[in-house]
């Protein structure tokens, strides 16, 4: 999987790893000016201001006590980023049916991510049903139905404008009666106002819990990695409305702002579960912090 992550993070590597190497060759001793340039690189990759400031402060402190090389900087960066991202989390399916609620704004890659996640679990022997809960956008239902056929999974759909919660309820009932392993629910990404959207999500969350006790077992927010800090702001807003258990970073292959994974984990404490590494149905990879950091810093390519 490390190869997929290296490939998806090519733009971020150009922003971070290759910029670092151009500023600080691995064997050369660094100066305070080099550290100031490093600060700009990390900020532009959306690693986050707080994390960047901590790294810079640590480097300056170490530099005041002894000499540092470019290699030393990479070691410190790897250690610091791993300390924030923690261990691999993923999604562990324990209950049956296991309910995954997917949220996110329109355009984030939410609906295609639902299909990719379905394909991921089906390829591991799970029986999947999808709930087309984004009933406020007819194209979303049509799109999910097409993806469901590609993935070879069942889907519960309804007419445009139908009550999203009723779709989630019907899908929950089908999951129980037909003995499905996992039900993955798409939800609305845009209503007339932000308040309406959040109220609708709360309702869907409540109905899921009534339909299947203890559900939803995972509440995942899909964040478009290309939006950088805007994605972090979205995560904060959604997290205030529903109890998020994880993040899926979509379109990671299309951005130089791959450091946003660090900013989200640091700011919200919510684990990154999966990352989108391309446009194909199997272009979804579990988020492995160690592989992500090595790919971002291009450590394994040395």
Protein backbone atom coordinates (compact mmCIF):
# COMPACT_ATOMS: atom_id res chain seq x y z
CA UNK A 1 0.00 0.00 0.00
CA UNK A 2 2.99 2.29 0.54
CA UNK A 3 3.40 2.57 -3.26
CA UNK A 4 -0.16 3.90 -3.63
CA UNK A 5 0.43 6.45 -0.90
CA UNK A 6 3.74 7.55 -2.43
CA UNK A 7 1.99 8.00 -5.78
CA UNK A 8 -0.95 9.93 -4.30
CA UNK A 9 1.29 12.28 -2.35
CA UNK A 10 3.47 13.29 -5.30
CA UNK A 11 2.32 16.94 -5.22
CA UNK A 12 2.73 17.16 -1.47
CA UNK A 13 6.23 15.65 -1.72
CA UNK A 14 7.16 18.30 -4.26
CA UNK A 15 5.93 20.93 -1.81
CA UNK A 16 7.48 19.43 1.33
CA UNK A 17 10.22 16.85 0.83
CA UNK A 18 11.80 18.29 -2.29
CA UNK A 19 11.54 21.85 -1.02
CA UNK A 20 13.28 20.76 2.19
CA UNK A 21 16.06 19.09 0.24
CA UNK A 22 16.54 22.16 -1.92
CA UNK A 23 16.79 24.32 1.21
CA UNK A 24 18.72 21.87 3.36
CA UNK A 25 20.68 19.11 1.58
CA UNK A 26 20.74 16.04 3.81
CA UNK A 27 24.47 16.13 4.57
CA UNK A 28 24.78 19.91 5.05
CA UNK A 29 24.69 21.65 8.41
CA UNK A 30 21.70 23.93 8.82
CA UNK A 31 21.40 27.53 10.00
CA UNK A 32 18.62 29.57 11.60
CA UNK A 33 17.87 31.01 8.15
CA UNK A 34 17.30 27.47 6.88
CA UNK A 35 14.84 26.85 9.70
CA UNK A 36 12.91 30.02 8.79
CA UNK A 37 12.60 28.76 5.19
CA UNK A 38 11.42 25.39 6.48
CA UNK A 39 8.64 27.15 8.36
CA UNK A 40 7.28 28.56 5.09
CA UNK A 41 7.31 25.12 3.48
CA UNK A 42 5.34 23.49 6.28
CA UNK A 43 2.78 26.28 6.47
CA UNK A 44 2.17 26.15 2.70
CA UNK A 45 1.56 22.39 2.89
CA UNK A 46 -1.18 23.03 5.49
CA UNK A 47 0.52 21.06 8.23
CA UNK A 48 -0.95 23.68 10.55
CA UNK A 49 0.40 26.75 12.33
CA UNK A 50 0.56 25.19 15.79
CA UNK A 51 2.39 22.09 14.61
CA UNK A 52 4.77 24.13 12.47
CA UNK A 53 5.60 26.47 15.33
CA UNK A 54 6.35 23.54 17.63
CA UNK A 55 8.66 21.97 15.06
CA UNK A 56 10.47 25.24 14.42
CA UNK A 57 10.85 25.92 18.15
CA UNK A 58 12.25 22.43 18.71
CA UNK A 59 14.72 22.81 15.85
CA UNK A 60 15.94 26.18 17.06
CA UNK A 61 16.37 24.80 20.56
CA UNK A 62 18.40 21.84 19.33
CA UNK A 63 20.44 24.06 17.01
CA UNK A 64 21.42 26.31 19.92
CA UNK A 65 22.92 23.29 21.69
CA UNK A 66 24.57 21.44 18.82
CA UNK A 67 24.99 21.28 15.06
CA UNK A 68 22.21 19.84 12.93
CA UNK A 69 22.18 18.45 9.38
CA UNK A 70 19.40 18.07 6.87
CA UNK A 71 19.12 14.41 7.87
CA UNK A 72 18.61 15.42 11.49
CA UNK A 73 15.75 17.69 10.40
CA UNK A 74 13.98 14.81 8.60
CA UNK A 75 14.32 12.56 11.65
CA UNK A 76 12.81 15.25 13.87
CA UNK A 77 9.99 15.93 11.40
CA UNK A 78 9.13 12.25 11.12
CA UNK A 79 9.08 11.83 14.90
CA UNK A 80 6.95 14.93 15.48
CA UNK A 81 4.38 14.13 12.79
CA UNK A 82 4.07 10.52 13.96
CA UNK A 83 3.50 11.76 17.48
CA UNK A 84 0.46 13.70 16.27
CA UNK A 85 -1.00 11.14 13.87
CA UNK A 86 -0.70 8.22 16.29
CA UNK A 87 -1.32 4.60 15.40
CA UNK A 88 -3.26 3.15 12.47
CA UNK A 89 -6.98 3.09 13.20
CA UNK A 90 -9.03 1.91 10.20
CA UNK A 91 -12.58 0.60 10.50
CA UNK A 92 -13.03 -2.61 12.47
CA UNK A 93 -16.37 -4.26 11.73
CA UNK A 94 -17.61 -5.88 14.93
CA UNK A 95 -21.42 -5.68 14.89
CA UNK A 96 -23.82 -6.98 12.25
CA UNK A 97 -25.25 -5.15 10.50
CA UNK A 98 -22.49 -2.59 10.93
CA UNK A 99 -23.72 0.91 10.05
CA UNK A 100 -21.42 3.56 8.58
CA UNK A 101 -22.83 7.05 8.17
CA UNK A 102 -21.00 9.18 5.58
CA UNK A 103 -21.21 12.98 5.69
CA UNK A 104 -19.57 15.79 3.75
CA UNK A 105 -20.28 18.81 1.58
CA UNK A 106 -21.20 18.48 -2.09
CA UNK A 107 -18.11 18.31 -4.25
CA UNK A 108 -15.96 16.72 -1.56
CA UNK A 109 -16.04 13.33 -3.26
CA UNK A 110 -18.54 12.01 -0.70
CA UNK A 111 -20.75 9.91 -2.96
CA UNK A 112 -17.91 8.27 -4.87
CA UNK A 113 -16.17 7.60 -1.58
CA UNK A 114 -19.26 5.72 -0.38
CA UNK A 115 -18.94 3.45 -3.42
CA UNK A 116 -15.19 3.01 -2.95
CA UNK A 117 -15.73 2.05 0.67
CA UNK A 118 -18.38 -0.47 -0.38
CA UNK A 119 -15.99 -1.97 -2.91
CA UNK A 120 -13.23 -2.10 -0.28
CA UNK A 121 -15.35 -4.11 2.15
CA UNK A 122 -16.96 -6.29 -0.53
CA UNK A 123 -13.51 -7.31 -1.77
CA UNK A 124 -12.90 -8.53 1.78
CA UNK A 125 -15.93 -10.80 1.73
CA UNK A 126 -18.55 -8.51 3.28
CA UNK A 127 -22.16 -8.28 2.09
CA UNK A 128 -22.97 -4.60 1.55
CA UNK A 129 -26.09 -2.47 1.13
CA UNK A 130 -25.99 1.26 0.41
CA UNK A 131 -28.53 3.86 1.50
CA UNK A 132 -28.97 6.75 -0.97
CA UNK A 133 -29.74 9.31 1.70
CA UNK A 134 -28.80 12.40 -0.31
CA UNK A 135 -32.36 12.82 -1.56
CA UNK A 136 -32.09 16.60 -1.96
CA UNK A 137 -29.84 16.18 -4.99
CA UNK A 138 -31.30 13.84 -7.61
CA UNK A 139 -27.94 13.49 -9.31
CA UNK A 140 -26.45 12.08 -6.10
CA UNK A 141 -28.94 9.21 -6.06
CA UNK A 142 -28.39 8.46 -9.74
CA UNK A 143 -24.64 8.65 -9.26
CA UNK A 144 -24.68 6.29 -6.29
CA UNK A 145 -26.89 3.81 -8.15
CA UNK A 146 -24.37 3.70 -11.00
CA UNK A 147 -21.50 3.20 -8.56
CA UNK A 148 -23.45 0.50 -6.69
CA UNK A 149 -23.77 -1.48 -9.93
CA UNK A 150 -20.05 -1.10 -10.59
CA UNK A 151 -19.25 -2.30 -7.11
CA UNK A 152 -21.81 -5.09 -7.31
CA UNK A 153 -23.61 -4.13 -4.11
CA UNK A 154 -27.26 -3.58 -3.17
CA UNK A 155 -28.78 -0.12 -2.77
CA UNK A 156 -31.91 1.35 -1.17
CA UNK A 157 -33.07 4.39 -3.12
CA UNK A 158 -36.06 6.75 -3.12
CA UNK A 159 -37.55 9.60 -5.09
CA UNK A 160 -35.99 13.07 -5.17
CA UNK A 161 -36.99 15.13 -2.16
CA UNK A 162 -37.90 12.13 -0.01
CA UNK A 163 -37.14 12.20 3.70
CA UNK A 164 -33.46 11.13 4.01
CA UNK A 165 -34.09 9.59 7.43
CA UNK A 166 -36.76 7.30 5.96
CA UNK A 167 -34.25 6.02 3.39
CA UNK A 168 -31.75 5.29 6.16
CA UNK A 169 -34.47 3.52 8.15
CA UNK A 170 -35.55 1.38 5.17
CA UNK A 171 -31.93 0.46 4.42
CA UNK A 172 -31.41 -0.47 8.07
CA UNK A 173 -34.44 -2.76 7.97
CA UNK A 174 -33.22 -4.41 4.78
CA UNK A 175 -29.76 -4.88 6.28
CA UNK A 176 -31.26 -6.73 9.25
CA UNK A 177 -33.80 -8.83 7.34
CA UNK A 178 -31.47 -9.78 4.48
CA UNK A 179 -28.51 -10.44 6.78
CA UNK A 180 -26.14 -7.81 5.36
CA UNK A 181 -22.79 -7.32 7.06
CA UNK A 182 -22.52 -3.58 6.46
CA UNK A 183 -24.89 -0.72 5.61
CA UNK A 184 -23.21 2.43 4.29
CA UNK A 185 -25.38 5.54 4.21
CA UNK A 186 -24.80 8.57 2.01
CA UNK A 187 -26.23 11.83 3.39
CA UNK A 188 -27.09 15.28 2.09
CA UNK A 189 -24.21 17.64 1.43
CA UNK A 190 -26.15 20.83 0.87
CA UNK A 191 -29.48 22.25 2.00
CA UNK A 192 -30.79 25.82 1.91
CA UNK A 193 -28.87 26.83 5.02
CA UNK A 194 -26.06 25.37 7.09
CA UNK A 195 -28.46 25.10 10.03
CA UNK A 196 -30.90 23.00 7.98
CA UNK A 197 -28.12 20.66 6.88
CA UNK A 198 -26.91 20.07 10.41
CA UNK A 199 -30.44 19.51 11.72
CA UNK A 200 -31.05 16.97 8.96
CA UNK A 201 -27.83 15.13 9.84
CA UNK A 202 -28.81 15.01 13.51
CA UNK A 203 -32.18 13.54 12.53
CA UNK A 204 -30.58 10.90 10.31
CA UNK A 205 -28.19 10.00 13.13
CA UNK A 206 -31.10 9.60 15.59
CA UNK A 207 -33.17 7.49 13.19
CA UNK A 208 -30.22 5.18 12.48
CA UNK A 209 -29.90 4.59 16.22
CA UNK A 210 -33.59 3.76 16.54
CA UNK A 211 -33.55 1.41 13.55
CA UNK A 212 -30.51 -0.55 14.75
CA UNK A 213 -29.55 -0.29 18.39
CA UNK A 214 -26.05 1.08 18.89
CA UNK A 215 -25.78 2.46 15.36
CA UNK A 216 -24.33 4.24 13.54
CA UNK A 217 -21.15 2.45 14.52
CA UNK A 218 -18.98 4.83 12.50
CA UNK A 219 -19.73 8.44 11.53
CA UNK A 220 -17.26 9.41 8.84
CA UNK A 221 -16.71 12.84 7.31
CA UNK A 222 -15.32 12.99 3.77
CA UNK A 223 -12.97 15.96 3.40
CA UNK A 224 -11.63 17.20 0.07
CA UNK A 225 -7.89 17.38 0.72
CA UNK A 226 -7.46 20.02 -2.00
CA UNK A 227 -9.38 22.54 0.13
CA UNK A 228 -6.70 22.54 2.84
CA UNK A 229 -7.67 24.64 5.84
CA UNK A 230 -11.24 25.00 4.53
CA UNK A 231 -11.54 21.25 4.96
CA UNK A 232 -10.47 21.63 8.58
CA UNK A 233 -13.15 24.28 9.11
CA UNK A 234 -15.77 21.93 7.62
CA UNK A 235 -14.68 19.16 9.96
CA UNK A 236 -15.11 21.47 12.95
CA UNK A 237 -18.65 22.44 11.89
CA UNK A 238 -19.78 18.87 11.17
CA UNK A 239 -18.20 17.70 14.40
CA UNK A 240 -20.41 20.10 16.34
CA UNK A 241 -23.54 18.57 14.78
CA UNK A 242 -22.82 14.84 14.84
CA UNK A 243 -20.27 12.71 16.76
CA UNK A 244 -17.62 12.10 14.11
CA UNK A 245 -15.53 8.97 14.59
CA UNK A 246 -13.23 9.41 11.62
CA UNK A 247 -12.19 11.26 8.47
CA UNK A 248 -11.69 10.09 4.91
CA UNK A 249 -9.39 12.41 2.98
CA UNK A 250 -10.52 12.40 -0.64
CA UNK A 251 -8.53 13.67 -3.65
CA UNK A 252 -5.23 13.42 -1.79
CA UNK A 253 -3.58 12.70 -5.14
CA UNK A 254 -4.69 16.10 -6.49
CA UNK A 255 -3.20 18.42 -3.89
CA UNK A 256 0.06 19.80 -2.51
CA UNK A 257 -1.75 20.38 0.80
CA UNK A 258 -1.46 16.80 2.04
CA UNK A 259 -0.30 18.10 5.40
CA UNK A 260 -3.96 18.78 6.21
CA UNK A 261 -4.14 15.26 7.67
CA UNK A 262 -1.79 16.43 10.42
CA UNK A 263 -3.78 19.63 11.03
CA UNK A 264 -7.08 17.74 11.31
CA UNK A 265 -5.69 15.14 13.71
CA UNK A 266 -4.02 17.83 15.80
CA UNK A 267 -6.97 20.23 15.94
CA UNK A 268 -9.90 17.81 16.27
CA UNK A 269 -8.34 14.62 17.58
CA UNK A 270 -10.32 12.65 14.98
CA UNK A 271 -8.42 9.80 13.28
CA UNK A 272 -7.97 9.62 9.53
CA UNK A 273 -9.50 6.27 8.49
CA UNK A 274 -8.92 6.15 4.72
CA UNK A 275 -7.41 8.26 1.96
CA UNK A 276 -8.54 8.67 -1.64
CA UNK A 277 -5.58 7.98 -3.92
CA UNK A 278 -7.20 8.23 -7.37
CA UNK A 279 -10.44 8.15 -9.34
CA UNK A 280 -10.93 4.39 -9.79
CA UNK A 281 -13.26 2.39 -7.56
CA UNK A 282 -10.33 0.64 -5.86
CA UNK A 283 -8.41 3.88 -5.28
CA UNK A 284 -9.14 3.98 -1.56
CA UNK A 285 -6.43 3.04 0.92
CA UNK A 286 -6.47 2.61 4.70
CA UNK A 287 -4.62 5.46 6.33
CA UNK A 288 -1.34 4.21 7.79
CA UNK A 289 0.39 7.13 9.57
CA UNK A 290 3.89 5.65 9.25
CA UNK A 291 3.52 5.17 5.48
CA UNK A 292 1.92 8.60 5.08
CA UNK A 293 4.74 10.42 6.88
CA UNK A 294 7.45 8.52 5.01
CA UNK A 295 5.71 9.26 1.71
CA UNK A 296 5.28 12.95 2.51
CA UNK A 297 8.92 13.34 3.51
CA UNK A 298 10.14 10.97 0.76
CA UNK A 299 12.19 9.09 3.32
CA UNK A 300 11.97 5.67 1.68
CA UNK A 301 13.23 7.01 -1.63
CA UNK A 302 16.60 7.87 -0.19
